[in-house]
Protein backbone atom coordinates (compact mmCIF):
# COMPACT_ATOMS: atom_id res chain seq x y z
CA MET A 1 0.00 0.00 0.00
CA SER A 2 1.19 3.51 -0.75
CA SER A 3 2.62 5.72 2.01
CA PRO A 4 0.35 8.45 3.42
CA ALA A 5 0.86 12.06 2.45
CA PRO A 6 3.38 14.01 4.58
CA ALA A 7 2.03 16.10 7.46
CA GLY A 8 0.68 19.41 6.18
CA ALA A 9 0.30 18.15 2.61
CA SER A 10 -3.04 17.85 0.89
CA PRO A 11 -4.31 14.26 1.20
CA ARG A 12 -3.78 12.43 -2.05
CA PRO A 13 -6.63 10.50 -3.62
CA VAL A 14 -6.96 6.78 -2.99
CA ARG A 15 -5.35 4.91 -5.88
CA VAL A 16 -7.34 1.98 -7.27
CA LEU A 17 -6.23 -0.62 -9.82
CA LEU A 18 -9.23 -1.90 -11.77
CA VAL A 19 -8.74 -5.01 -13.94
CA GLU A 20 -11.81 -5.70 -16.08
CA ASP A 21 -11.87 -7.06 -19.63
CA ASP A 22 -15.31 -5.76 -20.61
CA ASP A 23 -14.65 -2.37 -22.20
CA LEU A 24 -18.02 -0.84 -21.31
CA MET A 25 -17.87 -1.98 -17.67
CA ARG A 26 -14.26 -0.89 -17.32
CA ARG A 27 -15.08 2.60 -18.58
CA SER A 28 -18.27 2.94 -16.52
CA PHE A 29 -16.59 1.75 -13.29
CA THR A 30 -13.67 4.11 -13.91
CA VAL A 31 -15.94 7.11 -14.42
CA ALA A 32 -18.07 6.22 -11.39
CA LEU A 33 -15.07 5.79 -9.08
CA GLU A 34 -13.42 8.98 -10.29
CA ARG A 35 -16.68 10.79 -9.55
CA TYR A 36 -16.26 9.68 -5.92
CA GLY A 37 -12.72 11.05 -5.86
CA TYR A 38 -10.71 7.89 -6.47
CA GLU A 39 -7.72 7.84 -8.80
CA VAL A 40 -8.19 4.85 -11.11
CA ARG A 41 -5.74 2.96 -13.30
CA ALA A 42 -7.41 0.33 -15.46
CA ALA A 43 -6.22 -2.77 -17.31
CA GLU A 44 -8.11 -5.08 -19.64
CA ASP A 45 -6.36 -8.37 -18.86
CA GLY A 46 -4.60 -10.03 -15.97
CA LEU A 47 -1.04 -9.73 -17.26
CA ALA A 48 -1.45 -6.02 -17.96
CA GLY A 49 -2.92 -5.63 -14.48
CA LEU A 50 0.03 -7.47 -12.93
CA GLU A 51 2.47 -5.22 -14.78
CA LEU A 52 0.69 -2.08 -13.54
CA PHE A 53 0.65 -3.45 -9.99
CA ARG A 54 4.39 -4.07 -10.11
CA ASP A 55 5.18 -0.65 -11.58
CA GLU A 56 2.96 1.57 -9.42
CA ASP A 57 1.63 1.89 -5.87
CA PHE A 58 -2.06 1.18 -5.22
CA ASP A 59 -4.26 1.34 -2.14
CA LEU A 60 -6.79 -1.22 -3.39
CA LEU A 61 -7.28 -3.67 -6.26
CA ILE A 62 -10.55 -4.57 -7.99
CA LEU A 63 -10.20 -7.75 -10.03
CA ASP A 64 -12.72 -9.41 -12.29
CA VAL A 65 -12.69 -13.20 -11.96
CA MET A 66 -12.87 -13.95 -15.68
CA LEU A 67 -9.92 -12.26 -17.40
CA PRO A 68 -7.89 -13.10 -20.51
CA ALA A 69 -4.16 -13.91 -20.35
CA LEU A 70 -4.22 -14.34 -16.55
CA ASP A 71 -7.53 -14.74 -14.73
CA GLY A 72 -8.45 -12.80 -11.60
CA ILE A 73 -7.78 -15.74 -9.31
CA GLY A 74 -4.29 -16.23 -10.70
CA LEU A 75 -3.66 -12.50 -10.52
CA CYS A 76 -4.81 -12.44 -6.89
CA ARG A 77 -2.37 -15.24 -6.04
CA ARG A 78 0.50 -13.41 -7.75
CA VAL A 79 -0.27 -10.21 -5.87
CA ARG A 80 -0.46 -12.05 -2.55
CA GLU A 81 3.08 -13.37 -3.07
CA THR A 82 4.40 -9.89 -2.31
CA SER A 83 1.60 -7.67 -1.02
CA LEU A 84 -1.20 -7.43 1.57
CA VAL A 85 -3.03 -4.69 -0.39
CA PRO A 86 -6.84 -5.00 -0.04
CA ILE A 87 -8.38 -6.94 -2.94
CA LEU A 88 -12.02 -6.90 -4.04
CA MET A 89 -13.10 -9.57 -6.55
CA MET A 90 -15.93 -9.13 -9.05
CA SER A 91 -17.84 -12.10 -10.43
CA ALA A 92 -20.83 -12.67 -12.70
CA ARG A 93 -23.89 -14.35 -11.29
CA GLY A 94 -23.56 -18.15 -11.19
CA GLU A 95 -19.79 -18.13 -10.70
CA GLY A 96 -20.01 -19.32 -7.10
CA LEU A 97 -17.04 -21.68 -7.33
CA ASP A 98 -14.91 -18.89 -8.79
CA VAL A 99 -15.88 -16.65 -5.86
CA VAL A 100 -14.72 -19.33 -3.42
CA ALA A 101 -11.46 -19.79 -5.34
CA GLY A 102 -10.86 -16.03 -5.29
CA LEU A 103 -11.40 -15.81 -1.55
CA GLU A 104 -9.15 -18.82 -0.99
CA ALA A 105 -6.47 -17.11 -3.10
CA GLY A 106 -6.45 -14.19 -0.68
CA ALA A 107 -9.17 -11.76 -1.78
CA ASP A 108 -10.81 -9.82 1.04
CA ASP A 109 -14.33 -9.55 -0.36
CA TYR A 110 -16.34 -9.81 -3.56
CA VAL A 111 -19.25 -8.26 -5.39
CA VAL A 112 -21.54 -9.83 -7.97
CA LYS A 113 -22.04 -8.09 -11.32
CA PRO A 114 -24.02 -6.19 -12.34
CA VAL A 115 -23.27 -3.95 -9.37
CA ASP A 116 -24.39 -0.39 -8.71
CA SER A 117 -21.63 2.16 -8.23
CA TYR A 118 -22.82 3.07 -4.72
CA VAL A 119 -22.58 -0.60 -3.67
CA LEU A 120 -19.09 -0.85 -5.14
CA VAL A 121 -17.99 2.33 -3.36
CA ALA A 122 -19.47 1.08 -0.06
CA ARG A 123 -17.39 -2.11 -0.33
CA ILE A 124 -14.28 -0.10 -1.19
CA ARG A 125 -14.77 2.15 1.84
CA SER A 126 -15.24 -0.87 4.08
CA LEU A 127 -12.03 -2.46 2.79
CA LEU A 128 -10.07 0.75 3.28
CA ARG A 129 -11.39 1.12 6.83
CA ARG A 130 -10.11 -2.38 7.58
CA ALA A 131 -6.70 -1.38 6.23
CA THR A 132 -6.52 1.39 8.88
CA TYR A 133 -8.37 -0.49 11.63
CA PRO A 134 -7.67 1.12 15.05
CA PRO A 135 -6.33 -0.87 18.01
CA VAL A 136 -8.85 -2.78 20.11
CA PRO A 137 -8.64 -2.89 23.91
CA ALA A 138 -7.51 -6.10 25.51
CA GLY A 139 -10.33 -8.41 26.50
CA GLY A 140 -13.00 -6.48 24.64
CA HIS A 141 -14.34 -3.09 25.70
CA PRO A 142 -13.45 -2.24 29.33
CA PRO A 143 -14.94 0.73 31.20
CA ALA A 144 -13.50 4.18 30.50
CA GLY A 145 -10.24 4.71 32.35
CA ALA A 146 -9.57 1.00 32.87
CA PRO A 147 -6.00 -0.08 32.03
CA THR A 148 -5.42 -1.93 28.77
CA VAL A 149 -2.72 -4.25 27.50
CA ASP A 150 -1.30 -3.74 24.03
CA VAL A 151 -0.11 -7.32 23.52
CA LEU A 152 -2.58 -10.16 23.91
CA VAL A 153 -1.03 -13.62 24.36
CA PHE A 154 -2.75 -16.93 23.68
CA GLY A 155 -0.18 -19.68 24.12
CA ASP A 156 2.58 -18.91 21.61
CA LEU A 157 0.27 -16.60 19.63
CA ALA A 158 0.91 -12.91 20.37
CA VAL A 159 -1.32 -10.12 19.01
CA ASP A 160 0.07 -6.60 19.34
CA THR A 161 -3.10 -4.47 19.11
CA ALA A 162 -1.18 -1.19 19.10
CA GLY A 163 1.52 -2.07 16.58
CA MET A 164 -0.87 -4.23 14.55
CA GLU A 165 1.60 -7.12 14.52
CA VAL A 166 1.05 -10.83 15.01
CA SER A 167 3.57 -13.53 15.82
CA VAL A 168 3.55 -17.26 16.48
CA ALA A 169 6.37 -18.66 18.62
CA GLY A 170 8.20 -15.37 18.14
CA ARG A 171 7.98 -15.46 14.35
CA PRO A 172 6.06 -12.62 12.65
CA VAL A 173 2.99 -13.59 10.64
CA ALA A 174 1.82 -11.42 7.74
CA LEU A 175 -1.95 -10.95 7.64
CA THR A 176 -4.13 -9.08 5.19
CA PRO A 177 -6.17 -6.21 6.66
CA THR A 178 -9.29 -8.38 6.70
CA GLU A 179 -7.49 -11.32 8.32
CA LEU A 180 -6.05 -8.98 10.94
CA LYS A 181 -9.39 -7.38 11.75
CA LEU A 182 -11.00 -10.82 12.03
CA LEU A 183 -8.26 -11.97 14.40
CA LEU A 184 -8.65 -8.80 16.46
CA GLU A 185 -12.36 -9.53 16.85
CA PHE A 186 -11.54 -13.02 18.13
CA ALA A 187 -8.77 -11.70 20.38
CA ALA A 188 -11.11 -9.13 21.91
CA HIS A 189 -13.49 -11.96 22.89
CA PRO A 190 -11.31 -15.01 23.72
CA GLY A 191 -13.30 -18.15 24.41
CA VAL A 192 -16.54 -16.50 23.25
CA VAL A 193 -18.42 -17.98 20.30
CA LEU A 194 -18.85 -15.35 17.58
CA GLU A 195 -21.62 -16.10 15.13
CA ARG A 196 -21.04 -15.70 11.42
CA HIS A 197 -23.60 -12.92 11.03
CA THR A 198 -21.91 -11.03 13.89
CA LEU A 199 -18.54 -11.30 12.16
CA LEU A 200 -20.08 -10.24 8.84
CA ARG A 201 -21.46 -7.15 10.56
CA ASP A 202 -18.38 -6.21 12.57
CA VAL A 203 -15.59 -7.16 10.14
CA TRP A 204 -17.10 -6.96 6.65
CA GLU A 205 -19.83 -4.43 7.56
CA TYR A 206 -22.52 -6.53 5.90
CA GLY A 207 -26.15 -6.65 6.90
CA TRP A 208 -28.06 -9.85 7.54
CA ASP A 209 -27.91 -10.80 3.85
CA GLY A 210 -24.12 -11.16 3.73
CA ASP A 211 -22.52 -14.31 2.35
CA SER A 212 -21.08 -16.32 5.24
CA ARG A 213 -18.60 -17.98 2.87
CA VAL A 214 -16.33 -14.96 3.24
CA VAL A 215 -16.14 -15.67 6.99
CA ASP A 216 -15.51 -19.39 6.59
CA LEU A 217 -12.78 -18.90 3.99
CA CYS A 218 -11.05 -16.13 5.92
CA VAL A 219 -11.05 -18.36 9.02
CA GLN A 220 -9.45 -21.10 6.89
CA ARG A 221 -6.72 -18.69 5.80
CA LEU A 222 -6.10 -17.66 9.43
CA ARG A 223 -5.82 -21.30 10.44
CA ARG A 224 -3.24 -21.95 7.73
CA LYS A 225 -1.14 -19.04 9.01
CA LEU A 226 -1.64 -19.42 12.77
CA GLY A 227 -2.29 -23.14 13.20
CA ARG A 228 -5.51 -25.09 12.81
CA GLU A 229 -6.05 -25.45 16.54
CA ARG A 230 -6.23 -21.69 17.20
CA ILE A 231 -9.79 -21.09 16.07
CA GLU A 232 -12.40 -23.64 17.03
CA THR A 233 -15.56 -24.32 15.02
CA VAL A 234 -18.72 -24.52 17.13
CA ARG A 235 -21.10 -26.28 14.78
CA GLY A 236 -24.36 -24.53 14.19
CA PHE A 237 -23.12 -21.32 15.82
CA GLY A 238 -19.77 -19.95 14.66
CA TYR A 239 -16.16 -19.76 15.79
CA LYS A 240 -14.15 -18.95 18.90
CA LEU A 241 -10.51 -18.28 19.68
CA ARG A 242 -9.14 -20.73 22.19
CA ARG A 243 -7.75 -19.07 25.30
């Protein structure tokens, strides 16, 4: 992700890389996002998008699933080899398996086309808020004035809520903004079962109609990085972080 503007400087616009092969959609999304103040660079295939990503700094990527040369899933994997930049996938209706593959590859969220510009912008804003998620108090939300601890420890898992760093057995673990915010939610409520709809609301900022697959797949990614035993599935309810 790009560095913030220096103190005293005018805030620069958020830079978005849009990779979409449909010319009409690419142009319409670009115009709509620029109207909301975003700076957009667009590519029509996956390889061109990968080249732009490597040459320039972006705050967020929007990738269509079905792309020529290199599809959105492959592009997402290539990006995740070197970057934790927020990624939003776009899919056509009926491409459910592709959505799952995109989330497994490291995407943070997805939208289904056709999508209204205000819905797309809402998802972008949610992703960007996750990328600058503020520290959470240890153990949840204590009364005002109560002391807090910046580093939460669960066995050999350490979560630094001030520095936004995570380590396992002393080794740093790189998490995407969405993975980090999800872990922070678990760490703020250790041993408490968090239902999927609660996590959709608090992490992804969805309403009741959100797709719980994004929760399940993000939990899977956390387990791969932190260890499968860290987050326990409570069937029929949700997940909890073991104390």
